[in-house]
Every structure is written in C-alpha cells, then in structure tokens.
Amino acid sequence: MTALAVDLAWSGGQVRRWGLVPPEEAVRVEGYLGLTYYRKEEPVAFWAHPSVARYPLTALRHLAGLAEMRLLLGVPPDPRVWRVSPKPRHPVEEPDGVWLTPEGPVALEYDAGAYARARVRAKGEAFALRFVGQVWGAPVPERVAYLRRFLPGARVLLAPWA
C-alpha cells in the first residue's frame, strides 16, 4: 500500500516540501482554490488517489490537510494506525479520521475555515465522549488561534496543505 492510498490526496506544495513521490496510479487534479474557505482563489494542483480524483477541490484540500497533519505528527502512512474517511462531509460526531495510538483512538479533524463556533464546540464535545484525544489542523495561524479558543484540551496544529 502506498502513502497516497492512506492520505488520499497531496497538494503539489506538499509533494515538493516533504519529498513525496506520487505513485503511478495518482491522478493530477488542477484548478483554483483558496488556502481557506475565505481566501482568494489561486491555481492549485493535487495528486489524488483514483478513488477520490473526481471529488471537489475543497474535499481534496481537506484530505491534503489531514495528510499534512500526519506528516507533522510523524505518523507512518499505515492504515493500521492512521485512517482517513474519504467522505466529503461528516456528521458532527464523526471525525475526518482516526489515529490509533497505544493509548487509544484519537479523533482527527481538519478545518479550512468553514466551521461556525457552534459546530466546532459540538464536534469537540462529541469527540471528547468517544476518543482518548483529538487533534485538529488548520491552514493559517488565525484559524489555529480560533480553534484553540473553543477546544480546550484539544491539540491544534498549524497544518498548511498548500
């Protein structure tokens, strides 16, 4: 299994920054997208697993954000320890992914700036009931600070996907 099969999407920036090598089956997807939901759109390129290659660019941004979190945390691309949900949207109580640590499962959530305060709190509270911890990622420092205000006890990473 390749690292891309675990992460599902990488941005062109991640490929360069981390020295990632897209496998032969990777699909290059290009378009225009902002770093967050409210930033100006710019040209972007993603390397996507074929199973998600037709997803909207916003969903690929989300998956690339989760990949950035994995890379920052130093977690190997192993589906026995790092699992990402390919669904473009999740119910409040369902995280974007799960990190299976020796202490137990940790909820993974990436926020590119679209979650309202109430949704952030609801997700944080739901995760606290089902997981031993939670790690959130965001692409810009302002969003990291925002999340930290509403998620006491959660780990929040600056995880720029671009």
N, C-alpha and C. Protein backbone atom coordinates (compact mmCIF):
# COMPACT_ATOMS: atom_id res chain seq x y z
N MET A 1 0.85 -1.18 0.00
CA MET A 1 0.00 0.00 0.00
C MET A 1 0.89 1.24 0.00
N THR A 2 0.54 2.23 -0.83
CA THR A 2 1.33 3.46 -0.92
C THR A 2 0.86 4.47 0.12
N ALA A 3 1.72 5.45 0.38
CA ALA A 3 1.36 6.52 1.31
C ALA A 3 0.15 7.29 0.79
N LEU A 4 0.05 7.46 -0.52
CA LEU A 4 -1.10 8.17 -1.09
C LEU A 4 -2.39 7.38 -0.88
N ALA A 5 -2.32 6.07 -0.84
CA ALA A 5 -3.51 5.26 -0.58
C ALA A 5 -4.02 5.48 0.84
N VAL A 6 -3.15 5.89 1.74
CA VAL A 6 -3.55 6.21 3.12
C VAL A 6 -4.05 7.65 3.20
N ASP A 7 -3.31 8.59 2.63
CA ASP A 7 -3.65 10.01 2.71
C ASP A 7 -4.77 10.42 1.74
N LEU A 8 -4.81 9.82 0.59
CA LEU A 8 -5.79 10.04 -0.48
C LEU A 8 -5.52 11.27 -1.34
N ALA A 9 -4.90 12.32 -0.79
CA ALA A 9 -4.59 13.49 -1.62
C ALA A 9 -3.42 14.26 -1.04
N TRP A 10 -2.58 14.76 -1.93
CA TRP A 10 -1.47 15.64 -1.58
C TRP A 10 -1.52 16.84 -2.50
N SER A 11 -1.13 17.98 -1.99
CA SER A 11 -1.01 19.15 -2.86
C SER A 11 0.37 19.11 -3.53
N GLY A 12 0.48 19.86 -4.61
CA GLY A 12 1.79 19.98 -5.25
C GLY A 12 2.83 20.53 -4.29
N GLY A 13 2.42 21.46 -3.43
CA GLY A 13 3.34 22.02 -2.44
C GLY A 13 3.83 20.98 -1.46
N GLN A 14 2.95 20.09 -1.03
CA GLN A 14 3.36 19.03 -0.12
C GLN A 14 4.34 18.08 -0.79
N VAL A 15 4.09 17.76 -2.03
CA VAL A 15 4.99 16.85 -2.76
C VAL A 15 6.40 17.44 -2.77
N ARG A 16 6.49 18.74 -3.04
CA ARG A 16 7.81 19.40 -3.07
C ARG A 16 8.40 19.53 -1.66
N ARG A 17 7.61 20.00 -0.72
CA ARG A 17 8.09 20.29 0.64
C ARG A 17 8.53 19.05 1.39
N TRP A 18 7.77 17.97 1.27
CA TRP A 18 8.03 16.75 2.01
C TRP A 18 8.80 15.70 1.19
N GLY A 19 9.04 15.97 -0.09
CA GLY A 19 9.73 14.99 -0.93
C GLY A 19 8.89 13.76 -1.21
N LEU A 20 7.58 13.96 -1.30
CA LEU A 20 6.67 12.83 -1.56
C LEU A 20 6.76 12.43 -3.03
N VAL A 21 6.59 11.16 -3.29
CA VAL A 21 6.64 10.66 -4.66
C VAL A 21 5.27 10.08 -5.01
N PRO A 22 4.52 10.77 -5.86
CA PRO A 22 3.21 10.24 -6.24
C PRO A 22 3.37 8.90 -6.97
N PRO A 23 2.57 7.91 -6.60
CA PRO A 23 2.65 6.62 -7.28
C PRO A 23 2.08 6.72 -8.70
N GLU A 24 2.35 5.71 -9.50
CA GLU A 24 1.90 5.71 -10.90
C GLU A 24 0.41 5.92 -11.04
N GLU A 25 -0.39 5.37 -10.13
CA GLU A 25 -1.84 5.45 -10.26
C GLU A 25 -2.41 6.81 -9.84
N ALA A 26 -1.58 7.70 -9.28
CA ALA A 26 -2.05 9.02 -8.83
C ALA A 26 -2.59 9.82 -10.00
N VAL A 27 -3.63 10.58 -9.74
CA VAL A 27 -4.26 11.43 -10.74
C VAL A 27 -3.96 12.88 -10.38
N ARG A 28 -3.45 13.63 -11.33
CA ARG A 28 -3.17 15.06 -11.10
C ARG A 28 -4.45 15.83 -11.37
N VAL A 29 -4.85 16.65 -10.39
CA VAL A 29 -6.07 17.44 -10.49
C VAL A 29 -5.68 18.90 -10.29
N GLU A 30 -6.09 19.76 -11.22
CA GLU A 30 -5.73 21.17 -11.16
C GLU A 30 -6.97 22.04 -11.15
N GLY A 31 -6.83 23.22 -10.59
CA GLY A 31 -7.95 24.16 -10.57
C GLY A 31 -7.57 25.39 -9.77
N TYR A 32 -8.60 26.08 -9.27
CA TYR A 32 -8.41 27.30 -8.49
C TYR A 32 -9.11 27.12 -7.15
N LEU A 33 -8.38 27.46 -6.07
CA LEU A 33 -8.89 27.24 -4.73
C LEU A 33 -8.14 28.14 -3.76
N GLY A 34 -8.84 28.59 -2.72
CA GLY A 34 -8.21 29.41 -1.69
C GLY A 34 -7.57 28.55 -0.62
N LEU A 35 -6.60 29.11 0.07
CA LEU A 35 -5.94 28.39 1.17
C LEU A 35 -6.96 28.01 2.24
N THR A 36 -7.93 28.90 2.48
CA THR A 36 -9.06 28.61 3.37
C THR A 36 -10.34 28.91 2.58
N TYR A 37 -11.47 28.68 3.20
CA TYR A 37 -12.74 28.95 2.53
C TYR A 37 -12.92 30.41 2.17
N TYR A 38 -12.26 31.30 2.90
CA TYR A 38 -12.49 32.73 2.71
C TYR A 38 -11.30 33.47 2.09
N ARG A 39 -10.33 32.74 1.59
CA ARG A 39 -9.18 33.37 0.95
C ARG A 39 -9.37 33.37 -0.57
N LYS A 40 -8.66 34.28 -1.21
CA LYS A 40 -8.72 34.40 -2.66
C LYS A 40 -8.28 33.10 -3.33
N GLU A 41 -8.99 32.73 -4.38
CA GLU A 41 -8.62 31.51 -5.11
C GLU A 41 -7.35 31.74 -5.93
N GLU A 42 -6.52 30.70 -5.93
CA GLU A 42 -5.26 30.72 -6.68
C GLU A 42 -5.11 29.39 -7.39
N PRO A 43 -4.23 29.29 -8.38
CA PRO A 43 -4.02 28.00 -9.05
C PRO A 43 -3.47 26.97 -8.07
N VAL A 44 -4.03 25.77 -8.09
CA VAL A 44 -3.57 24.68 -7.23
C VAL A 44 -3.49 23.39 -8.04
N ALA A 45 -2.69 22.47 -7.53
CA ALA A 45 -2.61 21.14 -8.13
C ALA A 45 -2.57 20.13 -6.99
N PHE A 46 -3.27 19.05 -7.17
CA PHE A 46 -3.28 17.95 -6.21
C PHE A 46 -2.89 16.67 -6.92
N TRP A 47 -2.29 15.77 -6.17
CA TRP A 47 -2.11 14.39 -6.60
C TRP A 47 -3.14 13.61 -5.79
N ALA A 48 -4.08 12.98 -6.46
CA ALA A 48 -5.18 12.30 -5.79
C ALA A 48 -5.15 10.81 -6.07
N HIS A 49 -5.55 10.05 -5.07
CA HIS A 49 -5.78 8.62 -5.26
C HIS A 49 -6.96 8.49 -6.23
N PRO A 50 -6.95 7.51 -7.13
CA PRO A 50 -8.05 7.39 -8.10
C PRO A 50 -9.44 7.35 -7.46
N SER A 51 -9.55 6.85 -6.25
CA SER A 51 -10.86 6.75 -5.60
C SER A 51 -11.46 8.10 -5.25
N VAL A 52 -10.64 9.16 -5.19
CA VAL A 52 -11.15 10.49 -4.84
C VAL A 52 -10.84 11.54 -5.91
N ALA A 53 -10.32 11.12 -7.05
CA ALA A 53 -9.87 12.06 -8.07
C ALA A 53 -10.98 12.95 -8.62
N ARG A 54 -12.22 12.52 -8.54
CA ARG A 54 -13.34 13.33 -9.04
C ARG A 54 -14.01 14.16 -7.95
N TYR A 55 -13.45 14.14 -6.75
CA TYR A 55 -14.01 14.93 -5.65
C TYR A 55 -13.82 16.42 -5.95
N PRO A 56 -14.64 17.27 -5.35
CA PRO A 56 -14.42 18.72 -5.49
C PRO A 56 -13.06 19.11 -4.91
N LEU A 57 -12.50 20.19 -5.42
CA LEU A 57 -11.20 20.65 -4.93
C LEU A 57 -11.24 20.93 -3.43
N THR A 58 -12.38 21.39 -2.91
CA THR A 58 -12.47 21.64 -1.47
C THR A 58 -12.29 20.35 -0.67
N ALA A 59 -12.79 19.23 -1.18
CA ALA A 59 -12.61 17.95 -0.50
C ALA A 59 -11.16 17.50 -0.58
N LEU A 60 -10.51 17.73 -1.72
CA LEU A 60 -9.09 17.37 -1.85
C LEU A 60 -8.24 18.24 -0.92
N ARG A 61 -8.61 19.49 -0.76
CA ARG A 61 -7.92 20.39 0.19
C ARG A 61 -8.00 19.80 1.60
N HIS A 62 -9.18 19.33 1.95
CA HIS A 62 -9.40 18.75 3.27
C HIS A 62 -8.52 17.51 3.48
N LEU A 63 -8.50 16.64 2.50
CA LEU A 63 -7.68 15.42 2.59
C LEU A 63 -6.19 15.76 2.66
N ALA A 64 -5.77 16.75 1.87
CA ALA A 64 -4.36 17.17 1.91
C ALA A 64 -4.03 17.78 3.28
N GLY A 65 -4.99 18.45 3.90
CA GLY A 65 -4.79 18.98 5.24
C GLY A 65 -4.57 17.86 6.25
N LEU A 66 -5.34 16.79 6.14
CA LEU A 66 -5.14 15.63 7.02
C LEU A 66 -3.79 14.98 6.76
N ALA A 67 -3.38 14.92 5.50
CA ALA A 67 -2.05 14.38 5.18
C ALA A 67 -0.96 15.23 5.82
N GLU A 68 -1.14 16.55 5.79
CA GLU A 68 -0.17 17.44 6.42
C GLU A 68 -0.09 17.17 7.92
N MET A 69 -1.23 16.93 8.54
CA MET A 69 -1.24 16.61 9.97
C MET A 69 -0.46 15.33 10.24
N ARG A 70 -0.67 14.30 9.42
CA ARG A 70 0.05 13.04 9.61
C ARG A 70 1.55 13.26 9.50
N LEU A 71 1.95 14.02 8.49
CA LEU A 71 3.36 14.28 8.27
C LEU A 71 3.97 15.08 9.43
N LEU A 72 3.26 16.09 9.90
CA LEU A 72 3.75 16.90 11.03
C LEU A 72 3.88 16.07 12.30
N LEU A 73 2.96 15.15 12.51
CA LEU A 73 2.98 14.31 13.71
C LEU A 73 3.98 13.16 13.60
N GLY A 74 4.51 12.94 12.40
CA GLY A 74 5.48 11.86 12.21
C GLY A 74 4.86 10.47 12.24
N VAL A 75 3.59 10.39 11.90
CA VAL A 75 2.90 9.09 11.91
C VAL A 75 3.16 8.40 10.56
N PRO A 76 3.54 7.13 10.58
CA PRO A 76 3.79 6.44 9.30
C PRO A 76 2.48 6.27 8.52
N PRO A 77 2.58 6.20 7.20
CA PRO A 77 1.38 6.01 6.37
C PRO A 77 0.92 4.54 6.44
N ASP A 78 0.39 4.18 7.56
CA ASP A 78 -0.01 2.80 7.83
C ASP A 78 -1.50 2.79 8.21
N PRO A 79 -2.35 2.13 7.44
CA PRO A 79 -3.78 2.12 7.75
C PRO A 79 -4.11 1.44 9.07
N ARG A 80 -3.15 0.75 9.66
CA ARG A 80 -3.38 0.16 10.98
C ARG A 80 -3.32 1.21 12.09
N VAL A 81 -2.73 2.38 11.78
CA VAL A 81 -2.64 3.43 12.79
C VAL A 81 -3.26 4.76 12.34
N TRP A 82 -3.40 4.99 11.05
CA TRP A 82 -3.91 6.27 10.54
C TRP A 82 -5.00 5.98 9.51
N ARG A 83 -6.21 6.37 9.83
CA ARG A 83 -7.35 6.11 8.95
C ARG A 83 -8.09 7.41 8.65
N VAL A 84 -8.22 7.69 7.38
CA VAL A 84 -8.91 8.90 6.93
C VAL A 84 -10.20 8.49 6.25
N SER A 85 -11.27 9.19 6.58
CA SER A 85 -12.55 8.93 5.92
C SER A 85 -12.58 9.66 4.59
N PRO A 86 -12.92 8.98 3.51
CA PRO A 86 -12.96 9.65 2.21
C PRO A 86 -14.24 10.45 1.98
N LYS A 87 -15.19 10.41 2.92
CA LYS A 87 -16.45 11.14 2.73
C LYS A 87 -16.19 12.65 2.73
N PRO A 88 -16.76 13.37 1.77
CA PRO A 88 -16.56 14.82 1.73
C PRO A 88 -17.15 15.56 2.93
N ARG A 89 -18.22 15.05 3.54
CA ARG A 89 -18.81 15.69 4.72
C ARG A 89 -19.12 14.63 5.77
N HIS A 90 -19.02 15.05 7.03
CA HIS A 90 -19.24 14.12 8.14
C HIS A 90 -20.28 14.68 9.11
N PRO A 91 -21.05 13.81 9.75
CA PRO A 91 -21.92 14.29 10.83
C PRO A 91 -21.07 14.83 11.98
N VAL A 92 -21.68 15.60 12.84
CA VAL A 92 -20.96 16.26 13.94
C VAL A 92 -20.12 15.28 14.75
N GLU A 93 -20.67 14.11 15.05
CA GLU A 93 -19.97 13.18 15.94
C GLU A 93 -18.90 12.33 15.25
N GLU A 94 -18.77 12.47 13.95
CA GLU A 94 -17.82 11.65 13.19
C GLU A 94 -16.62 12.49 12.74
N PRO A 95 -15.40 12.13 13.15
CA PRO A 95 -14.23 12.91 12.74
C PRO A 95 -13.82 12.59 11.30
N ASP A 96 -12.92 13.42 10.78
CA ASP A 96 -12.39 13.21 9.43
C ASP A 96 -11.51 11.96 9.36
N GLY A 97 -10.97 11.58 10.49
CA GLY A 97 -10.10 10.41 10.54
C GLY A 97 -9.85 10.00 11.98
N VAL A 98 -9.11 8.90 12.12
CA VAL A 98 -8.78 8.38 13.44
C VAL A 98 -7.32 7.95 13.44
N TRP A 99 -6.63 8.33 14.50
CA TRP A 99 -5.24 7.92 14.74
C TRP A 99 -5.29 6.90 15.86
N LEU A 100 -4.88 5.68 15.58
CA LEU A 100 -4.92 4.60 16.56
C LEU A 100 -3.58 4.56 17.30
N THR A 101 -3.57 5.18 18.49
CA THR A 101 -2.35 5.28 19.31
C THR A 101 -2.36 4.17 20.35
N PRO A 102 -1.22 3.90 21.00
CA PRO A 102 -1.20 2.91 22.09
C PRO A 102 -2.16 3.25 23.23
N GLU A 103 -2.44 4.55 23.43
CA GLU A 103 -3.37 4.97 24.49
C GLU A 103 -4.83 4.80 24.09
N GLY A 104 -5.09 4.67 22.79
CA GLY A 104 -6.45 4.54 22.29
C GLY A 104 -6.66 5.43 21.07
N PRO A 105 -7.88 5.43 20.53
CA PRO A 105 -8.14 6.19 19.31
C PRO A 105 -8.23 7.70 19.55
N VAL A 106 -7.61 8.46 18.65
CA VAL A 106 -7.61 9.91 18.70
C VAL A 106 -8.37 10.41 17.47
N ALA A 107 -9.33 11.31 17.69
CA ALA A 107 -10.10 11.90 16.59
C ALA A 107 -9.22 12.90 15.83
N LEU A 108 -9.34 12.90 14.51
CA LEU A 108 -8.62 13.83 13.64
C LEU A 108 -9.62 14.70 12.91
N GLU A 109 -9.41 15.99 12.92
CA GLU A 109 -10.33 16.91 12.25
C GLU A 109 -9.53 18.03 11.61
N TYR A 110 -9.88 18.37 10.35
CA TYR A 110 -9.23 19.47 9.65
C TYR A 110 -10.28 20.54 9.37
N ASP A 111 -9.94 21.77 9.68
CA ASP A 111 -10.86 22.89 9.48
C ASP A 111 -10.20 23.93 8.61
N ALA A 112 -10.72 24.07 7.40
CA ALA A 112 -10.19 25.07 6.46
C ALA A 112 -10.93 26.39 6.58
N GLY A 113 -11.60 26.60 7.71
CA GLY A 113 -12.20 27.89 7.97
C GLY A 113 -13.70 27.98 7.82
N ALA A 114 -14.39 26.88 7.59
CA ALA A 114 -15.82 26.94 7.35
C ALA A 114 -16.68 26.67 8.58
N TYR A 115 -16.10 26.06 9.61
CA TYR A 115 -16.91 25.68 10.76
C TYR A 115 -17.26 26.89 11.63
N ALA A 116 -18.55 27.04 11.90
CA ALA A 116 -19.01 28.07 12.83
C ALA A 116 -18.64 27.65 14.24
N ARG A 117 -18.62 28.61 15.14
CA ARG A 117 -18.27 28.38 16.54
C ARG A 117 -19.08 27.23 17.14
N ALA A 118 -20.38 27.21 16.90
CA ALA A 118 -21.23 26.16 17.48
C ALA A 118 -20.86 24.78 16.96
N ARG A 119 -20.50 24.68 15.68
CA ARG A 119 -20.12 23.38 15.12
C ARG A 119 -18.78 22.91 15.69
N VAL A 120 -17.83 23.84 15.84
CA VAL A 120 -16.54 23.49 16.44
C VAL A 120 -16.76 22.93 17.84
N ARG A 121 -17.53 23.64 18.64
CA ARG A 121 -17.80 23.18 20.01
C ARG A 121 -18.51 21.83 20.02
N ALA A 122 -19.52 21.68 19.16
CA ALA A 122 -20.29 20.42 19.13
C ALA A 122 -19.39 19.25 18.73
N LYS A 123 -18.54 19.45 17.74
CA LYS A 123 -17.63 18.39 17.32
C LYS A 123 -16.64 18.06 18.44
N GLY A 124 -16.06 19.09 19.06
CA GLY A 124 -15.12 18.87 20.16
C GLY A 124 -15.76 18.11 21.30
N GLU A 125 -16.98 18.46 21.66
CA GLU A 125 -17.68 17.77 22.75
C GLU A 125 -18.00 16.33 22.38
N ALA A 126 -18.44 16.11 21.14
CA ALA A 126 -18.75 14.74 20.68
C ALA A 126 -17.50 13.88 20.66
N PHE A 127 -16.39 14.43 20.19
CA PHE A 127 -15.14 13.67 20.13
C PHE A 127 -14.65 13.32 21.54
N ALA A 128 -14.83 14.24 22.48
CA ALA A 128 -14.37 14.02 23.85
C ALA A 128 -15.07 12.82 24.49
N LEU A 129 -16.27 12.53 24.05
CA LEU A 129 -17.03 11.40 24.60
C LEU A 129 -16.58 10.06 24.05
N ARG A 130 -16.01 10.04 22.85
CA ARG A 130 -15.72 8.78 22.16
C ARG A 130 -14.25 8.48 21.95
N PHE A 131 -13.39 9.46 22.17
CA PHE A 131 -11.97 9.29 21.84
C PHE A 131 -11.10 9.68 23.03
N VAL A 132 -9.88 9.12 23.08
CA VAL A 132 -8.97 9.46 24.18
C VAL A 132 -8.33 10.83 23.97
N GLY A 133 -8.45 11.37 22.78
CA GLY A 133 -7.91 12.70 22.47
C GLY A 133 -8.41 13.16 21.13
N GLN A 134 -8.05 14.38 20.78
CA GLN A 134 -8.42 14.90 19.47
C GLN A 134 -7.33 15.84 18.99
N VAL A 135 -7.04 15.76 17.70
CA VAL A 135 -6.07 16.63 17.06
C VAL A 135 -6.79 17.32 15.91
N TRP A 136 -6.74 18.64 15.92
CA TRP A 136 -7.32 19.45 14.86
C TRP A 136 -6.19 20.11 14.09
N GLY A 137 -6.43 20.36 12.82
CA GLY A 137 -5.48 21.08 11.99
C GLY A 137 -6.18 22.21 11.27
N ALA A 138 -5.42 23.26 10.97
CA ALA A 138 -5.94 24.41 10.23
C ALA A 138 -4.79 24.98 9.39
N PRO A 139 -5.12 25.61 8.25
CA PRO A 139 -4.08 26.06 7.34
C PRO A 139 -3.42 27.40 7.66
N VAL A 140 -4.03 28.21 8.54
CA VAL A 140 -3.48 29.53 8.83
C VAL A 140 -3.46 29.78 10.34
N PRO A 141 -2.51 30.59 10.83
CA PRO A 141 -2.40 30.83 12.27
C PRO A 141 -3.67 31.40 12.89
N GLU A 142 -4.38 32.26 12.15
CA GLU A 142 -5.61 32.86 12.70
C GLU A 142 -6.65 31.79 13.02
N ARG A 143 -6.73 30.78 12.15
CA ARG A 143 -7.72 29.72 12.38
C ARG A 143 -7.27 28.81 13.52
N VAL A 144 -5.97 28.59 13.65
CA VAL A 144 -5.45 27.81 14.77
C VAL A 144 -5.84 28.48 16.08
N ALA A 145 -5.64 29.80 16.18
CA ALA A 145 -5.98 30.55 17.40
C ALA A 145 -7.48 30.47 17.67
N TYR A 146 -8.28 30.58 16.63
CA TYR A 146 -9.74 30.48 16.76
C TYR A 146 -10.13 29.12 17.34
N LEU A 147 -9.59 28.05 16.78
CA LEU A 147 -9.92 26.70 17.25
C LEU A 147 -9.47 26.49 18.70
N ARG A 148 -8.31 26.98 19.04
CA ARG A 148 -7.81 26.81 20.41
C ARG A 148 -8.72 27.47 21.44
N ARG A 149 -9.36 28.57 21.06
CA ARG A 149 -10.29 29.25 21.99
C ARG A 149 -11.49 28.37 22.32
N PHE A 150 -11.94 27.55 21.38
CA PHE A 150 -13.17 26.79 21.57
C PHE A 150 -12.96 25.31 21.84
N LEU A 151 -11.70 24.88 21.84
CA LEU A 151 -11.40 23.46 22.02
C LEU A 151 -10.38 23.25 23.14
N PRO A 152 -10.74 23.57 24.38
CA PRO A 152 -9.78 23.35 25.47
C PRO A 152 -9.43 21.87 25.58
N GLY A 153 -8.17 21.60 25.69
CA GLY A 153 -7.73 20.21 25.82
C GLY A 153 -7.43 19.53 24.50
N ALA A 154 -7.84 20.11 23.40
CA ALA A 154 -7.53 19.51 22.09
C ALA A 154 -6.18 20.03 21.61
N ARG A 155 -5.50 19.22 20.86
CA ARG A 155 -4.25 19.65 20.23
C ARG A 155 -4.61 20.26 18.89
N VAL A 156 -4.12 21.46 18.60
CA VAL A 156 -4.42 22.14 17.34
C VAL A 156 -3.11 22.45 16.63
N LEU A 157 -2.99 21.97 15.41
CA LEU A 157 -1.76 22.12 14.63
C LEU A 157 -1.93 23.15 13.51
N LEU A 158 -0.91 23.92 13.28
CA LEU A 158 -0.84 24.72 12.05
C LEU A 158 -0.41 23.75 10.96
N ALA A 159 -1.33 23.46 10.06
CA ALA A 159 -1.08 22.42 9.05
C ALA A 159 -1.47 22.94 7.66
N PRO A 160 -0.63 23.80 7.08
CA PRO A 160 -0.96 24.33 5.75
C PRO A 160 -0.82 23.25 4.69
N TRP A 161 -1.87 23.05 3.95
CA TRP A 161 -1.92 21.98 2.94
C TRP A 161 -1.21 22.38 1.65
N ALA A 162 -1.12 23.68 1.38
CA ALA A 162 -0.60 24.15 0.07
C ALA A 162 0.89 23.97 -0.05
